[in-house]
C-alpha cells in the first residue's frame, strides 16, 4: 500500500508540473495590439483567431491537468484513510 501512495504522490506532482508548464506557455503568447488607424484584412483576423484558439487549447489542457492532479491527491488521501 505504501508504494501505491508514493505512486499517487508522484502522479499528482507530475500533473501539477504539467499544468504549470501549460499555463506558462499559454500566458507567454500575446496578441499584437491593433491601432484604430489600421485596416484589418482576412490575414489579420486569421492571426488573431489562431492566437486566441491556441491559448484556449493550452488553457483547457492546463485545467485538465489540474483536475487530474486534484484527483490523484484525493485518491491518495482516500487510500491513506482506508489503510489506517
PDB file of N, CA and C in Angstrom:
ATOM      1  N   UNK A   1       0.811  -1.195   0.000  1.00  0.00           N
ATOM      2  CA  UNK A   1       0.000   0.000   0.000  1.00  0.00           C
ATOM      3  C   UNK A   1       0.855   1.260   0.000  1.00  0.00           C
ATOM      4  N   UNK A   2       1.991   1.195   0.655  1.00  0.00           N
ATOM      5  CA  UNK A   2       2.870   2.373   0.714  1.00  0.00           C
ATOM      6  C   UNK A   2       3.343   2.750  -0.683  1.00  0.00           C
ATOM      7  N   UNK A   3       3.603   1.740  -1.516  1.00  0.00           N
ATOM      8  CA  UNK A   3       4.026   2.008  -2.889  1.00  0.00           C
ATOM      9  C   UNK A   3       2.947   2.702  -3.699  1.00  0.00           C
ATOM     10  N   UNK A   4       1.675   2.348  -3.447  1.00  0.00           N
ATOM     11  CA  UNK A   4       0.556   2.985  -4.140  1.00  0.00           C
ATOM     12  C   UNK A   4       0.440   4.454  -3.744  1.00  0.00           C
ATOM     13  N   UNK A   5       0.644   4.743  -2.477  1.00  0.00           N
ATOM     14  CA  UNK A   5       0.578   6.131  -2.007  1.00  0.00           C
ATOM     15  C   UNK A   5       1.697   6.954  -2.628  1.00  0.00           C
ATOM     16  N   UNK A   6       2.889   6.397  -2.682  1.00  0.00           N
ATOM     17  CA  UNK A   6       4.019   7.107  -3.295  1.00  0.00           C
ATOM     18  C   UNK A   6       3.769   7.324  -4.782  1.00  0.00           C
ATOM     19  N   UNK A   7       3.207   6.323  -5.454  1.00  0.00           N
ATOM     20  CA  UNK A   7       2.907   6.465  -6.885  1.00  0.00           C
ATOM     21  C   UNK A   7       1.879   7.568  -7.127  1.00  0.00           C
ATOM     22  N   UNK A   8       0.868   7.662  -6.263  1.00  0.00           N
ATOM     23  CA  UNK A   8      -0.130   8.730  -6.414  1.00  0.00           C
ATOM     24  C   UNK A   8       0.462  10.097  -6.123  1.00  0.00           C
ATOM     25  N   UNK A   9       1.368  10.168  -5.154  1.00  0.00           N
ATOM     26  CA  UNK A   9       2.047  11.437  -4.879  1.00  0.00           C
ATOM     27  C   UNK A   9       2.862  11.889  -6.087  1.00  0.00           C
ATOM     28  N   UNK A  10       3.576  10.963  -6.698  1.00  0.00           N
ATOM     29  CA  UNK A  10       4.383  11.291  -7.876  1.00  0.00           C
ATOM     30  C   UNK A  10       3.489  11.689  -9.045  1.00  0.00           C
ATOM     31  N   UNK A  11       2.380  10.975  -9.235  1.00  0.00           N
ATOM     32  CA  UNK A  11       1.455  11.310 -10.323  1.00  0.00           C
ATOM     33  C   UNK A  11       0.849  12.696 -10.117  1.00  0.00           C
ATOM     34  N   UNK A  12       0.481  13.029  -8.889  1.00  0.00           N
ATOM     35  CA  UNK A  12      -0.069  14.359  -8.602  1.00  0.00           C
ATOM     36  C   UNK A  12       0.972  15.441  -8.836  1.00  0.00           C
ATOM     37  N   UNK A  13       2.203  15.161  -8.456  1.00  0.00           N
ATOM     38  CA  UNK A  13       3.287  16.116  -8.670  1.00  0.00           C
ATOM     39  C   UNK A  13       3.518  16.356 -10.156  1.00  0.00           C
ATOM     40  N   UNK A  14       3.555  15.295 -10.939  1.00  0.00           N
ATOM     41  CA  UNK A  14       3.778  15.435 -12.382  1.00  0.00           C
ATOM     42  C   UNK A  14       2.618  16.154 -13.067  1.00  0.00           C
ATOM     43  N   UNK A  15       1.396  15.851 -12.656  1.00  0.00           N
ATOM     44  CA  UNK A  15       0.239  16.536 -13.244  1.00  0.00           C
ATOM     45  C   UNK A  15       0.244  18.019 -12.887  1.00  0.00           C
ATOM     46  N   UNK A  16       0.647  18.355 -11.678  1.00  0.00           N
ATOM     47  CA  UNK A  16       0.734  19.762 -11.281  1.00  0.00           C
ATOM     48  C   UNK A  16       1.806  20.494 -12.068  1.00  0.00           C
ATOM     49  N   UNK A  17       2.942  19.846 -12.276  1.00  0.00           N
ATOM     50  CA  UNK A  17       4.007  20.457 -13.077  1.00  0.00           C
ATOM     51  C   UNK A  17       3.574  20.641 -14.527  1.00  0.00           C
ATOM     52  N   UNK A  18       2.837  19.675 -15.062  1.00  0.00           N
ATOM     53  CA  UNK A  18       2.341  19.798 -16.436  1.00  0.00           C
ATOM     54  C   UNK A  18       1.366  20.965 -16.554  1.00  0.00           C
ATOM     55  N   UNK A  19       0.487  21.115 -15.573  1.00  0.00           N
ATOM     56  CA  UNK A  19      -0.465  22.237 -15.592  1.00  0.00           C
ATOM     57  C   UNK A  19       0.266  23.571 -15.533  1.00  0.00           C
ATOM     58  N   UNK A  20       1.267  23.657 -14.669  1.00  0.00           N
ATOM     59  CA  UNK A  20       2.030  24.902 -14.564  1.00  0.00           C
ATOM     60  C   UNK A  20       2.749  25.224 -15.871  1.00  0.00           C
ATOM     61  N   UNK A  21       3.333  24.211 -16.500  1.00  0.00           N
ATOM     62  CA  UNK A  21       4.034  24.435 -17.766  1.00  0.00           C
ATOM     63  C   UNK A  21       3.073  24.860 -18.870  1.00  0.00           C
ATOM     64  N   UNK A  22       1.898  24.246 -18.922  1.00  0.00           N
ATOM     65  CA  UNK A  22       0.920  24.615 -19.948  1.00  0.00           C
ATOM     66  C   UNK A  22       0.401  26.031 -19.745  1.00  0.00           C
ATOM     67  N   UNK A  23       0.136  26.413 -18.502  1.00  0.00           N
ATOM     68  CA  UNK A  23      -0.340  27.772 -18.260  1.00  0.00           C
ATOM     69  C   UNK A  23       0.758  28.793 -18.531  1.00  0.00           C
ATOM     70  N   UNK A  24       2.004  28.422 -18.269  1.00  0.00           N
ATOM     71  CA  UNK A  24       3.119  29.313 -18.586  1.00  0.00           C
ATOM     72  C   UNK A  24       3.220  29.523 -20.093  1.00  0.00           C
ATOM     73  N   UNK A  25       3.069  28.456 -20.863  1.00  0.00           N
ATOM     74  CA  UNK A  25       3.086  28.582 -22.327  1.00  0.00           C
ATOM     75  C   UNK A  25       1.916  29.410 -22.833  1.00  0.00           C
ATOM     76  N   UNK A  26       0.734  29.213 -22.243  1.00  0.00           N
ATOM     77  CA  UNK A  26      -0.450  29.958 -22.689  1.00  0.00           C
ATOM     78  C   UNK A  26      -0.314  31.445 -22.389  1.00  0.00           C
ATOM     79  N   UNK A  27       0.287  31.781 -21.265  1.00  0.00           N
ATOM     80  CA  UNK A  27       0.404  33.191 -20.908  1.00  0.00           C
ATOM     81  C   UNK A  27       1.560  33.876 -21.621  1.00  0.00           C
ATOM     82  N   UNK A  28       2.451  33.127 -22.197  1.00  0.00           N
ATOM     83  CA  UNK A  28       3.610  33.709 -22.866  1.00  0.00           C
ATOM     84  C   UNK A  28       3.331  34.248 -24.249  1.00  0.00           C
ATOM     85  N   UNK A  29       2.235  33.859 -24.834  1.00  0.00           N
ATOM     86  CA  UNK A  29       1.898  34.304 -26.184  1.00  0.00           C
ATOM     87  C   UNK A  29       0.907  35.457 -26.108  1.00  0.00           C
ATOM     88  N   UNK A  30       1.315  36.590 -26.616  1.00  0.00           N
ATOM     89  CA  UNK A  30       0.424  37.742 -26.598  1.00  0.00           C
ATOM     90  C   UNK A  30      -0.015  38.065 -28.022  1.00  0.00           C
ATOM     91  N   UNK A  31      -1.147  38.697 -28.111  1.00  0.00           N
ATOM     92  CA  UNK A  31      -1.670  39.124 -29.405  1.00  0.00           C
ATOM     93  C   UNK A  31      -1.243  40.569 -29.615  1.00  0.00           C
ATOM     94  N   UNK A  32      -0.797  40.886 -30.813  1.00  0.00           N
ATOM     95  CA  UNK A  32      -0.333  42.230 -31.132  1.00  0.00           C
ATOM     96  C   UNK A  32      -1.488  43.211 -31.034  1.00  0.00           C
ATOM     97  N   UNK A  33      -1.198  44.359 -30.445  1.00  0.00           N
ATOM     98  CA  UNK A  33      -2.230  45.400 -30.350  1.00  0.00           C
ATOM     99  C   UNK A  33      -2.462  46.011 -31.720  1.00  0.00           C
ATOM    100  N   UNK A  34      -3.677  46.419 -31.952  1.00  0.00           N
ATOM    101  CA  UNK A  34      -4.063  46.972 -33.247  1.00  0.00           C
ATOM    102  C   UNK A  34      -4.414  48.443 -33.069  1.00  0.00           C
ATOM    103  N   UNK A  35      -3.891  49.259 -33.949  1.00  0.00           N
ATOM    104  CA  UNK A  35      -4.210  50.681 -33.924  1.00  0.00           C
ATOM    105  C   UNK A  35      -5.552  50.917 -34.609  1.00  0.00           C
ATOM    106  N   UNK A  36      -6.248  51.939 -34.185  1.00  0.00           N
ATOM    107  CA  UNK A  36      -7.536  52.235 -34.818  1.00  0.00           C
ATOM    108  C   UNK A  36      -7.351  52.758 -36.236  1.00  0.00           C
ATOM    109  N   UNK A  37      -6.123  53.143 -36.589  1.00  0.00           N
ATOM    110  CA  UNK A  37      -5.854  53.633 -37.941  1.00  0.00           C
ATOM    111  C   UNK A  37      -5.635  52.499 -38.940  1.00  0.00           C
ATOM    112  N   UNK A  38      -5.388  51.306 -38.430  1.00  0.00           N
ATOM    113  CA  UNK A  38      -5.123  50.170 -39.319  1.00  0.00           C
ATOM    114  C   UNK A  38      -6.404  49.658 -39.956  1.00  0.00           C
ATOM    115  N   UNK A  39      -6.246  49.153 -41.146  1.00  0.00           N
ATOM    116  CA  UNK A  39      -7.348  48.422 -41.772  1.00  0.00           C
ATOM    117  C   UNK A  39      -7.030  46.937 -41.657  1.00  0.00           C
ATOM    118  N   UNK A  40      -7.983  46.188 -41.188  1.00  0.00           N
ATOM    119  CA  UNK A  40      -7.777  44.760 -40.977  1.00  0.00           C
ATOM    120  C   UNK A  40      -8.233  43.993 -42.202  1.00  0.00           C
ATOM    121  N   UNK A  41      -7.394  43.041 -42.598  1.00  0.00           N
ATOM    122  CA  UNK A  41      -7.791  42.170 -43.699  1.00  0.00           C
ATOM    123  C   UNK A  41      -8.000  40.759 -43.156  1.00  0.00           C
ATOM    124  N   UNK A  42      -8.276  39.835 -44.040  1.00  0.00           N
ATOM    125  CA  UNK A  42      -8.573  38.456 -43.627  1.00  0.00           C
ATOM    126  C   UNK A  42      -7.381  37.806 -42.936  1.00  0.00           C
ATOM    127  N   UNK A  43      -6.164  38.102 -43.379  1.00  0.00           N
ATOM    128  CA  UNK A  43      -4.975  37.511 -42.759  1.00  0.00           C
ATOM    129  C   UNK A  43      -4.816  37.987 -41.315  1.00  0.00           C
ATOM    130  N   UNK A  44      -5.116  39.262 -41.062  1.00  0.00           N
ATOM    131  CA  UNK A  44      -5.039  39.783 -39.694  1.00  0.00           C
ATOM    132  C   UNK A  44      -6.045  39.083 -38.779  1.00  0.00           C
ATOM    133  N   UNK A  45      -7.271  38.956 -39.248  1.00  0.00           N
ATOM    134  CA  UNK A  45      -8.287  38.257 -38.454  1.00  0.00           C
ATOM    135  C   UNK A  45      -7.895  36.801 -38.220  1.00  0.00           C
ATOM    136  N   UNK A  46      -7.305  36.177 -39.222  1.00  0.00           N
ATOM    137  CA  UNK A  46      -6.878  34.786 -39.090  1.00  0.00           C
ATOM    138  C   UNK A  46      -5.797  34.656 -38.018  1.00  0.00           C
ATOM    139  N   UNK A  47      -4.830  35.566 -37.995  1.00  0.00           N
ATOM    140  CA  UNK A  47      -3.775  35.525 -36.979  1.00  0.00           C
ATOM    141  C   UNK A  47      -4.348  35.724 -35.578  1.00  0.00           C
ATOM    142  N   UNK A  48      -5.286  36.642 -35.447  1.00  0.00           N
ATOM    143  CA  UNK A  48      -5.890  36.905 -34.136  1.00  0.00           C
ATOM    144  C   UNK A  48      -6.665  35.688 -33.645  1.00  0.00           C
ATOM    145  N   UNK A  49      -7.487  35.132 -34.504  1.00  0.00           N
ATOM    146  CA  UNK A  49      -8.295  33.970 -34.117  1.00  0.00           C
ATOM    147  C   UNK A  49      -7.408  32.771 -33.808  1.00  0.00           C
ATOM    148  N   UNK A  50      -6.351  32.573 -34.596  1.00  0.00           N
ATOM    149  CA  UNK A  50      -5.429  31.460 -34.353  1.00  0.00           C
ATOM    150  C   UNK A  50      -4.744  31.609 -32.999  1.00  0.00           C
ATOM    151  N   UNK A  51      -4.288  32.813 -32.671  1.00  0.00           N
ATOM    152  CA  UNK A  51      -3.632  33.040 -31.379  1.00  0.00           C
ATOM    153  C   UNK A  51      -4.599  32.792 -30.224  1.00  0.00           C
ATOM    154  N   UNK A  52      -5.821  33.263 -30.361  1.00  0.00           N
ATOM    155  CA  UNK A  52      -6.812  33.034 -29.302  1.00  0.00           C
ATOM    156  C   UNK A  52      -7.154  31.553 -29.161  1.00  0.00           C
ATOM    157  N   UNK A  53      -7.275  30.854 -30.269  1.00  0.00           N
ATOM    158  CA  UNK A  53      -7.581  29.420 -30.219  1.00  0.00           C
ATOM    159  C   UNK A  53      -6.457  28.632 -29.563  1.00  0.00           C
ATOM    160  N   UNK A  54      -5.212  28.962 -29.902  1.00  0.00           N
ATOM    161  CA  UNK A  54      -4.078  28.253 -29.288  1.00  0.00           C
ATOM    162  C   UNK A  54      -4.046  28.472 -27.783  1.00  0.00           C
ATOM    163  N   UNK A  55      -4.288  29.704 -27.360  1.00  0.00           N
ATOM    164  CA  UNK A  55      -4.307  29.998 -25.929  1.00  0.00           C
ATOM    165  C   UNK A  55      -5.437  29.252 -25.238  1.00  0.00           C
ATOM    166  N   UNK A  56      -6.592  29.209 -25.874  1.00  0.00           N
ATOM    167  CA  UNK A  56      -7.738  28.499 -25.292  1.00  0.00           C
ATOM    168  C   UNK A  56      -7.445  27.004 -25.172  1.00  0.00           C
ATOM    169  N   UNK A  57      -6.814  26.423 -26.169  1.00  0.00           N
ATOM    170  CA  UNK A  57      -6.472  24.999 -26.121  1.00  0.00           C
ATOM    171  C   UNK A  57      -5.485  24.724 -24.992  1.00  0.00           C
ATOM    172  N   UNK A  58      -4.445  25.569 -24.874  1.00  0.00           N
ATOM    173  CA  UNK A  58      -3.468  25.373 -23.804  1.00  0.00           C
ATOM    174  C   UNK A  58      -4.106  25.552 -22.426  1.00  0.00           C
ATOM    175  N   UNK A  59      -4.991  26.524 -22.285  1.00  0.00           N
ATOM    176  CA  UNK A  59      -5.680  26.705 -21.001  1.00  0.00           C
ATOM    177  C   UNK A  59      -6.562  25.508 -20.673  1.00  0.00           C
ATOM    178  N   UNK A  60      -7.211  24.938 -21.676  1.00  0.00           N
ATOM    179  CA  UNK A  60      -8.028  23.746 -21.452  1.00  0.00           C
ATOM    180  C   UNK A  60      -7.197  22.556 -21.011  1.00  0.00           C
ATOM    181  N   UNK A  61      -6.047  22.388 -21.634  1.00  0.00           N
ATOM    182  CA  UNK A  61      -5.157  21.285 -21.237  1.00  0.00           C
ATOM    183  C   UNK A  61      -4.625  21.493 -19.827  1.00  0.00           C
ATOM    184  N   UNK A  62      -4.292  22.729 -19.493  1.00  0.00           N
ATOM    185  CA  UNK A  62      -3.797  23.026 -18.148  1.00  0.00           C
ATOM    186  C   UNK A  62      -4.879  22.772 -17.104  1.00  0.00           C
ATOM    187  N   UNK A  63      -6.110  23.135 -17.420  1.00  0.00           N
ATOM    188  CA  UNK A  63      -7.213  22.881 -16.489  1.00  0.00           C
ATOM    189  C   UNK A  63      -7.434  21.381 -16.309  1.00  0.00           C
ATOM    190  N   UNK A  64      -7.324  20.623 -17.384  1.00  0.00           N
ATOM    191  CA  UNK A  64      -7.471  19.167 -17.285  1.00  0.00           C
ATOM    192  C   UNK A  64      -6.349  18.569 -16.436  1.00  0.00           C
ATOM    193  N   UNK A  65      -5.126  19.067 -16.607  1.00  0.00           N
ATOM    194  CA  UNK A  65      -4.005  18.572 -15.804  1.00  0.00           C
ATOM    195  C   UNK A  65      -4.192  18.927 -14.334  1.00  0.00           C
ATOM    196  N   UNK A  66      -4.732  20.097 -14.052  1.00  0.00           N
ATOM    197  CA  UNK A  66      -5.011  20.473 -12.657  1.00  0.00           C
ATOM    198  C   UNK A  66      -6.081  19.573 -12.052  1.00  0.00           C
ATOM    199  N   UNK A  67      -7.102  19.283 -12.832  1.00  0.00           N
ATOM    200  CA  UNK A  67      -8.138  18.367 -12.357  1.00  0.00           C
ATOM    201  C   UNK A  67      -7.591  16.979 -12.097  1.00  0.00           C
ATOM    202  N   UNK A  68      -6.697  16.525 -12.957  1.00  0.00           N
ATOM    203  CA  UNK A  68      -6.070  15.219 -12.772  1.00  0.00           C
ATOM    204  C   UNK A  68      -5.220  15.203 -11.503  1.00  0.00           C
ATOM    205  N   UNK A  69      -4.492  16.291 -11.262  1.00  0.00           N
ATOM    206  CA  UNK A  69      -3.690  16.378 -10.039  1.00  0.00           C
ATOM    207  C   UNK A  69      -4.583  16.335  -8.804  1.00  0.00           C
ATOM    208  N   UNK A  70      -5.702  17.048  -8.850  1.00  0.00           N
ATOM    209  CA  UNK A  70      -6.634  17.030  -7.719  1.00  0.00           C
ATOM    210  C   UNK A  70      -7.208  15.631  -7.510  1.00  0.00           C
ATOM    211  N   UNK A  71      -7.486  14.923  -8.597  1.00  0.00           N
ATOM    212  CA  UNK A  71      -7.990  13.555  -8.493  1.00  0.00           C
ATOM    213  C   UNK A  71      -6.961  12.645  -7.833  1.00  0.00           C
ATOM    214  N   UNK A  72      -5.692  12.754  -8.246  1.00  0.00           N
ATOM    215  CA  UNK A  72      -4.647  11.928  -7.647  1.00  0.00           C
ATOM    216  C   UNK A  72      -4.483  12.230  -6.160  1.00  0.00           C
ATOM    217  N   UNK A  73      -4.547  13.493  -5.796  1.00  0.00           N
ATOM    218  CA  UNK A  73      -4.406  13.858  -4.381  1.00  0.00           C
ATOM    219  C   UNK A  73      -5.579  13.310  -3.568  1.00  0.00           C
ATOM    220  N   UNK A  74      -6.790  13.435  -4.111  1.00  0.00           N
ATOM    221  CA  UNK A  74      -7.947  12.921  -3.368  1.00  0.00           C
ATOM    222  C   UNK A  74      -7.905  11.396  -3.260  1.00  0.00           C
ATOM    223  N   UNK A  75      -7.469  10.711  -4.312  1.00  0.00           N
ATOM    224  CA  UNK A  75      -7.328   9.252  -4.235  1.00  0.00           C
ATOM    225  C   UNK A  75      -6.255   8.849  -3.234  1.00  0.00           C
ATOM    226  N   UNK A  76      -5.191   9.621  -3.190  1.00  0.00           N
ATOM    227  CA  UNK A  76      -4.116   9.329  -2.245  1.00  0.00           C
ATOM    228  C   UNK A  76      -4.631   9.466  -0.813  1.00  0.00           C
ATOM    229  N   UNK A  77      -5.413  10.522  -0.548  1.00  0.00           N
ATOM    230  CA  UNK A  77      -5.989  10.691   0.783  1.00  0.00           C
ATOM    231  C   UNK A  77      -6.964   9.567   1.108  1.00  0.00           C
ATOM    232  N   UNK A  78      -7.732   9.135   0.125  1.00  0.00           N
ATOM    233  CA  UNK A  78      -8.680   8.041   0.337  1.00  0.00           C
ATOM    234  C   UNK A  78      -7.948   6.746   0.676  1.00  0.00           C
ATOM    235  N   UNK A  79      -6.904   6.429  -0.075  1.00  0.00           N
ATOM    236  CA  UNK A  79      -6.129   5.212   0.197  1.00  0.00           C
ATOM    237  C   UNK A  79      -5.483   5.299   1.573  1.00  0.00           C
ATOM    238  N   UNK A  80      -4.946   6.471   1.899  1.00  0.00           N
ATOM    239  CA  UNK A  80      -4.323   6.654   3.204  1.00  0.00           C
ATOM    240  C   UNK A  80      -5.350   6.483   4.323  1.00  0.00           C
ATOM    241  N   UNK A  81      -6.553   6.995   4.108  1.00  0.00           N
ATOM    242  CA  UNK A  81      -7.617   6.887   5.108  1.00  0.00           C
ATOM    243  C   UNK A  81      -8.069   5.436   5.279  1.00  0.00           C
ATOM    244  N   UNK A  82      -8.188   4.703   4.179  1.00  0.00           N
ATOM    245  CA  UNK A  82      -8.663   3.318   4.237  1.00  0.00           C
ATOM    246  C   UNK A  82      -7.627   2.356   4.802  1.00  0.00           C
ATOM    247  N   UNK A  83      -6.361   2.701   4.736  1.00  0.00           N
ATOM    248  CA  UNK A  83      -5.318   1.794   5.219  1.00  0.00           C
ATOM    249  C   UNK A  83      -4.943   2.047   6.668  1.00  0.00           C
ATOM    250  N   UNK A  84      -5.560   3.007   7.307  1.00  0.00           N
ATOM    251  CA  UNK A  84      -5.237   3.268   8.723  1.00  0.00           C
ATOM    252  C   UNK A  84      -5.971   2.330   9.623  1.00  0.00           C
TER     253      UNK A  84
END
